[in-house]
PDB file of N, CA and C in Angstrom:
ATOM      1  N   MET A   1       0.846  -1.180   0.000  1.00  0.00           N
ATOM      2  CA  MET A   1       0.000   0.000   0.000  1.00  0.00           C
ATOM      3  C   MET A   1       0.892   1.244   0.000  1.00  0.00           C
ATOM      4  N   VAL A   2       0.607   2.117  -0.924  1.00  0.00           N
ATOM      5  CA  VAL A   2       1.342   3.369  -1.006  1.00  0.00           C
ATOM      6  C   VAL A   2       0.624   4.414  -0.151  1.00  0.00           C
ATOM      7  N   ARG A   3       1.377   5.093   0.651  1.00  0.00           N
ATOM      8  CA  ARG A   3       0.804   6.160   1.477  1.00  0.00           C
ATOM      9  C   ARG A   3       1.382   7.492   1.014  1.00  0.00           C
ATOM     10  N   SER A   4       0.604   8.519   1.173  1.00  0.00           N
ATOM     11  CA  SER A   4       1.031   9.865   0.786  1.00  0.00           C
ATOM     12  C   SER A   4       0.856  10.810   1.960  1.00  0.00           C
ATOM     13  N   LEU A   5       1.674  11.810   1.977  1.00  0.00           N
ATOM     14  CA  LEU A   5       1.576  12.863   2.980  1.00  0.00           C
ATOM     15  C   LEU A   5       1.172  14.143   2.267  1.00  0.00           C
ATOM     16  N   PHE A   6       0.062  14.737   2.694  1.00  0.00           N
ATOM     17  CA  PHE A   6      -0.408  15.990   2.130  1.00  0.00           C
ATOM     18  C   PHE A   6      -0.176  17.097   3.145  1.00  0.00           C
ATOM     19  N   LEU A   7       0.430  18.157   2.708  1.00  0.00           N
ATOM     20  CA  LEU A   7       0.619  19.325   3.555  1.00  0.00           C
ATOM     21  C   LEU A   7      -0.248  20.444   3.006  1.00  0.00           C
ATOM     22  N   ALA A   8      -0.987  21.064   3.875  1.00  0.00           N
ATOM     23  CA  ALA A   8      -1.871  22.148   3.445  1.00  0.00           C
ATOM     24  C   ALA A   8      -1.818  23.264   4.468  1.00  0.00           C
ATOM     25  N   ARG A   9      -1.969  24.443   3.987  1.00  0.00           N
ATOM     26  CA  ARG A   9      -2.053  25.611   4.846  1.00  0.00           C
ATOM     27  C   ARG A   9      -3.529  25.956   4.986  1.00  0.00           C
ATOM     28  N   HIS A  10      -3.896  26.637   6.034  1.00  0.00           N
ATOM     29  CA  HIS A  10      -5.295  27.045   6.169  1.00  0.00           C
ATOM     30  C   HIS A  10      -5.692  27.914   4.987  1.00  0.00           C
ATOM     31  N   ALA A  11      -6.980  27.963   4.708  1.00  0.00           N
ATOM     32  CA  ALA A  11      -7.494  28.789   3.624  1.00  0.00           C
ATOM     33  C   ALA A  11      -7.378  30.272   4.002  1.00  0.00           C
ATOM     34  N   ALA A  12      -7.660  31.133   3.045  1.00  0.00           N
ATOM     35  CA  ALA A  12      -7.541  32.581   3.257  1.00  0.00           C
ATOM     36  C   ALA A  12      -8.426  33.040   4.418  1.00  0.00           C
ATOM     37  N   ALA A  13      -7.858  33.862   5.263  1.00  0.00           N
ATOM     38  CA  ALA A  13      -8.571  34.371   6.433  1.00  0.00           C
ATOM     39  C   ALA A  13      -8.802  35.874   6.293  1.00  0.00           C
ATOM     40  N   LEU A  14      -9.736  36.357   7.071  1.00  0.00           N
ATOM     41  CA  LEU A  14     -10.011  37.788   7.092  1.00  0.00           C
ATOM     42  C   LEU A  14      -8.805  38.543   7.641  1.00  0.00           C
ATOM     43  N   THR A  15      -8.589  39.713   7.110  1.00  0.00           N
ATOM     44  CA  THR A  15      -7.537  40.577   7.619  1.00  0.00           C
ATOM     45  C   THR A  15      -8.128  41.401   8.753  1.00  0.00           C
ATOM     46  N   THR A  16      -7.370  41.539   9.804  1.00  0.00           N
ATOM     47  CA  THR A  16      -7.869  42.305  10.943  1.00  0.00           C
ATOM     48  C   THR A  16      -6.753  43.166  11.507  1.00  0.00           C
ATOM     49  N   SER A  17      -7.128  44.274  12.091  1.00  0.00           N
ATOM     50  CA  SER A  17      -6.136  45.128  12.736  1.00  0.00           C
ATOM     51  C   SER A  17      -5.942  44.722  14.191  1.00  0.00           C
ATOM     52  N   SER A  18      -6.771  43.792  14.629  1.00  0.00           N
ATOM     53  CA  SER A  18      -6.690  43.294  16.001  1.00  0.00           C
ATOM     54  C   SER A  18      -5.455  42.412  16.165  1.00  0.00           C
ATOM     55  N   LYS A  19      -4.978  42.290  17.384  1.00  0.00           N
ATOM     56  CA  LYS A  19      -3.846  41.408  17.663  1.00  0.00           C
ATOM     57  C   LYS A  19      -4.305  39.979  17.939  1.00  0.00           C
ATOM     58  N   ASP A  20      -5.602  39.723  17.808  1.00  0.00           N
ATOM     59  CA  ASP A  20      -6.162  38.405  18.075  1.00  0.00           C
ATOM     60  C   ASP A  20      -6.102  37.540  16.819  1.00  0.00           C
ATOM     61  N   ASP A  21      -4.905  37.182  16.414  1.00  0.00           N
ATOM     62  CA  ASP A  21      -4.694  36.382  15.214  1.00  0.00           C
ATOM     63  C   ASP A  21      -5.306  34.991  15.338  1.00  0.00           C
ATOM     64  N   PHE A  22      -5.330  34.421  16.524  1.00  0.00           N
ATOM     65  CA  PHE A  22      -5.793  33.068  16.772  1.00  0.00           C
ATOM     66  C   PHE A  22      -7.261  32.867  16.381  1.00  0.00           C
ATOM     67  N   ASN A  23      -8.084  33.903  16.525  1.00  0.00           N
ATOM     68  CA  ASN A  23      -9.525  33.778  16.281  1.00  0.00           C
ATOM     69  C   ASN A  23      -9.979  34.329  14.935  1.00  0.00           C
ATOM     70  N   ARG A  24      -9.035  34.597  14.030  1.00  0.00           N
ATOM     71  CA  ARG A  24      -9.445  35.103  12.716  1.00  0.00           C
ATOM     72  C   ARG A  24     -10.284  34.064  11.977  1.00  0.00           C
ATOM     73  N   LYS A  25     -11.326  34.537  11.320  1.00  0.00           N
ATOM     74  CA  LYS A  25     -12.225  33.654  10.586  1.00  0.00           C
ATOM     75  C   LYS A  25     -11.826  33.598   9.118  1.00  0.00           C
ATOM     76  N   LEU A  26     -12.339  32.582   8.420  1.00  0.00           N
ATOM     77  CA  LEU A  26     -12.082  32.466   6.995  1.00  0.00           C
ATOM     78  C   LEU A  26     -12.822  33.559   6.236  1.00  0.00           C
ATOM     79  N   SER A  27     -12.215  34.030   5.174  1.00  0.00           N
ATOM     80  CA  SER A  27     -12.874  34.992   4.291  1.00  0.00           C
ATOM     81  C   SER A  27     -13.767  34.215   3.320  1.00  0.00           C
ATOM     82  N   ALA A  28     -14.518  34.921   2.500  1.00  0.00           N
ATOM     83  CA  ALA A  28     -15.348  34.269   1.483  1.00  0.00           C
ATOM     84  C   ALA A  28     -14.454  33.450   0.548  1.00  0.00           C
ATOM     85  N   LEU A  29     -13.306  33.996   0.198  1.00  0.00           N
ATOM     86  CA  LEU A  29     -12.345  33.266  -0.633  1.00  0.00           C
ATOM     87  C   LEU A  29     -11.892  31.997   0.081  1.00  0.00           C
ATOM     88  N   GLY A  30     -11.596  32.090   1.361  1.00  0.00           N
ATOM     89  CA  GLY A  30     -11.165  30.938   2.133  1.00  0.00           C
ATOM     90  C   GLY A  30     -12.219  29.842   2.184  1.00  0.00           C
ATOM     91  N   LEU A  31     -13.477  30.223   2.290  1.00  0.00           N
ATOM     92  CA  LEU A  31     -14.559  29.234   2.270  1.00  0.00           C
ATOM     93  C   LEU A  31     -14.586  28.498   0.939  1.00  0.00           C
ATOM     94  N   ARG A  32     -14.440  29.246  -0.154  1.00  0.00           N
ATOM     95  CA  ARG A  32     -14.414  28.620  -1.481  1.00  0.00           C
ATOM     96  C   ARG A  32     -13.188  27.716  -1.639  1.00  0.00           C
ATOM     97  N   GLN A  33     -12.038  28.172  -1.139  1.00  0.00           N
ATOM     98  CA  GLN A  33     -10.824  27.360  -1.232  1.00  0.00           C
ATOM     99  C   GLN A  33     -10.990  26.029  -0.503  1.00  0.00           C
ATOM    100  N   SER A  34     -11.577  26.072   0.671  1.00  0.00           N
ATOM    101  CA  SER A  34     -11.791  24.850   1.457  1.00  0.00           C
ATOM    102  C   SER A  34     -12.742  23.895   0.741  1.00  0.00           C
ATOM    103  N   GLN A  35     -13.798  24.450   0.168  1.00  0.00           N
ATOM    104  CA  GLN A  35     -14.759  23.621  -0.556  1.00  0.00           C
ATOM    105  C   GLN A  35     -14.108  22.986  -1.786  1.00  0.00           C
ATOM    106  N   ARG A  36     -13.270  23.747  -2.481  1.00  0.00           N
ATOM    107  CA  ARG A  36     -12.575  23.206  -3.650  1.00  0.00           C
ATOM    108  C   ARG A  36     -11.620  22.083  -3.255  1.00  0.00           C
ATOM    109  N   MET A  37     -10.955  22.227  -2.122  1.00  0.00           N
ATOM    110  CA  MET A  37     -10.049  21.186  -1.658  1.00  0.00           C
ATOM    111  C   MET A  37     -10.823  19.910  -1.339  1.00  0.00           C
ATOM    112  N   GLY A  38     -11.954  20.055  -0.688  1.00  0.00           N
ATOM    113  CA  GLY A  38     -12.799  18.899  -0.401  1.00  0.00           C
ATOM    114  C   GLY A  38     -13.262  18.212  -1.671  1.00  0.00           C
ATOM    115  N   ALA A  39     -13.662  18.998  -2.656  1.00  0.00           N
ATOM    116  CA  ALA A  39     -14.097  18.437  -3.942  1.00  0.00           C
ATOM    117  C   ALA A  39     -12.947  17.712  -4.626  1.00  0.00           C
ATOM    118  N   TRP A  40     -11.747  18.274  -4.554  1.00  0.00           N
ATOM    119  CA  TRP A  40     -10.565  17.652  -5.162  1.00  0.00           C
ATOM    120  C   TRP A  40     -10.259  16.309  -4.500  1.00  0.00           C
ATOM    121  N   LEU A  41     -10.352  16.267  -3.174  1.00  0.00           N
ATOM    122  CA  LEU A  41     -10.120  15.008  -2.462  1.00  0.00           C
ATOM    123  C   LEU A  41     -11.117  13.943  -2.907  1.00  0.00           C
ATOM    124  N   LEU A  42     -12.391  14.329  -3.032  1.00  0.00           N
ATOM    125  CA  LEU A  42     -13.422  13.379  -3.466  1.00  0.00           C
ATOM    126  C   LEU A  42     -13.202  12.925  -4.901  1.00  0.00           C
ATOM    127  N   GLN A  43     -12.923  13.870  -5.798  1.00  0.00           N
ATOM    128  CA  GLN A  43     -12.721  13.544  -7.207  1.00  0.00           C
ATOM    129  C   GLN A  43     -11.545  12.595  -7.407  1.00  0.00           C
ATOM    130  N   ASN A  44     -10.547  12.709  -6.562  1.00  0.00           N
ATOM    131  CA  ASN A  44      -9.362  11.877  -6.683  1.00  0.00           C
ATOM    132  C   ASN A  44      -9.416  10.656  -5.767  1.00  0.00           C
ATOM    133  N   ASN A  45     -10.601  10.418  -5.204  1.00  0.00           N
ATOM    134  CA  ASN A  45     -10.848   9.260  -4.352  1.00  0.00           C
ATOM    135  C   ASN A  45      -9.797   9.132  -3.242  1.00  0.00           C
ATOM    136  N   LEU A  46      -9.501  10.238  -2.605  1.00  0.00           N
ATOM    137  CA  LEU A  46      -8.507  10.268  -1.540  1.00  0.00           C
ATOM    138  C   LEU A  46      -9.198  10.397  -0.195  1.00  0.00           C
ATOM    139  N   SER A  47      -8.783   9.589   0.741  1.00  0.00           N
ATOM    140  CA  SER A  47      -9.299   9.699   2.096  1.00  0.00           C
ATOM    141  C   SER A  47      -8.115   9.954   3.025  1.00  0.00           C
ATOM    142  N   LEU A  48      -8.369  10.656   4.086  1.00  0.00           N
ATOM    143  CA  LEU A  48      -7.315  11.019   5.021  1.00  0.00           C
ATOM    144  C   LEU A  48      -7.434  10.152   6.265  1.00  0.00           C
ATOM    145  N   GLU A  49      -6.328   9.583   6.680  1.00  0.00           N
ATOM    146  CA  GLU A  49      -6.318   8.758   7.887  1.00  0.00           C
ATOM    147  C   GLU A  49      -6.211   9.600   9.145  1.00  0.00           C
ATOM    148  N   GLY A  50      -5.663  10.768   9.028  1.00  0.00           N
ATOM    149  CA  GLY A  50      -5.516  11.638  10.186  1.00  0.00           C
ATOM    150  C   GLY A  50      -5.164  13.047   9.761  1.00  0.00           C
ATOM    151  N   ILE A  51      -5.411  13.969  10.656  1.00  0.00           N
ATOM    152  CA  ILE A  51      -5.094  15.374  10.407  1.00  0.00           C
ATOM    153  C   ILE A  51      -4.407  15.927  11.645  1.00  0.00           C
ATOM    154  N   PHE A  52      -3.302  16.566  11.428  1.00  0.00           N
ATOM    155  CA  PHE A  52      -2.611  17.297  12.491  1.00  0.00           C
ATOM    156  C   PHE A  52      -2.759  18.769  12.143  1.00  0.00           C
ATOM    157  N   ALA A  53      -3.418  19.508  13.010  1.00  0.00           N
ATOM    158  CA  ALA A  53      -3.717  20.906  12.684  1.00  0.00           C
ATOM    159  C   ALA A  53      -3.689  21.775  13.938  1.00  0.00           C
ATOM    160  N   SER A  54      -3.455  23.026  13.704  1.00  0.00           N
ATOM    161  CA  SER A  54      -3.516  24.027  14.758  1.00  0.00           C
ATOM    162  C   SER A  54      -4.953  24.101  15.282  1.00  0.00           C
ATOM    163  N   SER A  55      -5.118  24.617  16.467  1.00  0.00           N
ATOM    164  CA  SER A  55      -6.465  24.794  17.010  1.00  0.00           C
ATOM    165  C   SER A  55      -7.013  26.196  16.740  1.00  0.00           C
ATOM    166  N   SER A  56      -6.325  26.960  15.893  1.00  0.00           N
ATOM    167  CA  SER A  56      -6.830  28.300  15.561  1.00  0.00           C
ATOM    168  C   SER A  56      -8.156  28.176  14.803  1.00  0.00           C
ATOM    169  N   HIS A  57      -8.969  29.196  14.893  1.00  0.00           N
ATOM    170  CA  HIS A  57     -10.301  29.184  14.285  1.00  0.00           C
ATOM    171  C   HIS A  57     -10.215  28.920  12.786  1.00  0.00           C
ATOM    172  N   ARG A  58      -9.347  29.624  12.075  1.00  0.00           N
ATOM    173  CA  ARG A  58      -9.275  29.493  10.623  1.00  0.00           C
ATOM    174  C   ARG A  58      -8.807  28.094  10.200  1.00  0.00           C
ATOM    175  N   THR A  59      -7.937  27.492  10.989  1.00  0.00           N
ATOM    176  CA  THR A  59      -7.449  26.156  10.647  1.00  0.00           C
ATOM    177  C   THR A  59      -8.521  25.108  10.909  1.00  0.00           C
ATOM    178  N   LYS A  60      -9.209  25.207  12.036  1.00  0.00           N
ATOM    179  CA  LYS A  60     -10.296  24.266  12.322  1.00  0.00           C
ATOM    180  C   LYS A  60     -11.400  24.392  11.286  1.00  0.00           C
ATOM    181  N   SER A  61     -11.733  25.624  10.905  1.00  0.00           N
ATOM    182  CA  SER A  61     -12.777  25.838   9.896  1.00  0.00           C
ATOM    183  C   SER A  61     -12.377  25.228   8.560  1.00  0.00           C
ATOM    184  N   THR A  62     -11.136  25.418   8.173  1.00  0.00           N
ATOM    185  CA  THR A  62     -10.655  24.867   6.903  1.00  0.00           C
ATOM    186  C   THR A  62     -10.809  23.355   6.883  1.00  0.00           C
ATOM    187  N   THR A  63     -10.330  22.676   7.908  1.00  0.00           N
ATOM    188  CA  THR A  63     -10.380  21.221   7.918  1.00  0.00           C
ATOM    189  C   THR A  63     -11.811  20.699   8.051  1.00  0.00           C
ATOM    190  N   GLN A  64     -12.662  21.383   8.778  1.00  0.00           N
ATOM    191  CA  GLN A  64     -14.054  20.930   8.932  1.00  0.00           C
ATOM    192  C   GLN A  64     -14.806  21.030   7.610  1.00  0.00           C
ATOM    193  N   ILE A  65     -14.426  21.978   6.764  1.00  0.00           N
ATOM    194  CA  ILE A  65     -15.096  22.128   5.479  1.00  0.00           C
ATOM    195  C   ILE A  65     -14.598  21.088   4.483  1.00  0.00           C
ATOM    196  N   PHE A  66     -13.286  20.886   4.386  1.00  0.00           N
ATOM    197  CA  PHE A  66     -12.820  19.958   3.364  1.00  0.00           C
ATOM    198  C   PHE A  66     -12.794  18.513   3.811  1.00  0.00           C
ATOM    199  N   VAL A  67     -12.959  18.241   5.085  1.00  0.00           N
ATOM    200  CA  VAL A  67     -13.098  16.863   5.571  1.00  0.00           C
ATOM    201  C   VAL A  67     -14.284  16.844   6.541  1.00  0.00           C
ATOM    202  N   PRO A  68     -15.506  16.826   5.999  1.00  0.00           N
ATOM    203  CA  PRO A  68     -16.674  16.855   6.888  1.00  0.00           C
ATOM    204  C   PRO A  68     -16.771  15.580   7.732  1.00  0.00           C
ATOM    205  N   PRO A  69     -17.420  15.677   8.896  1.00  0.00           N
ATOM    206  CA  PRO A  69     -17.556  14.502   9.792  1.00  0.00           C
ATOM    207  C   PRO A  69     -18.369  13.383   9.175  1.00  0.00           C
TER     208      PRO A  69
END
């Protein structure tokens, strides 16, 4: 069995002047990017065995969109 490692960065997030970088939300572009990644995974019949991700809002949102429960 061949295994692959996929590295991904969170999708585009809103720009803010606040210092609260941890809670930044995804922008409209970021939502579309996450959905496209999910569609790409499905089209290529790829399933993920695990995800290692930051607990920041934008990162959790990205992974929840492209790998739904």
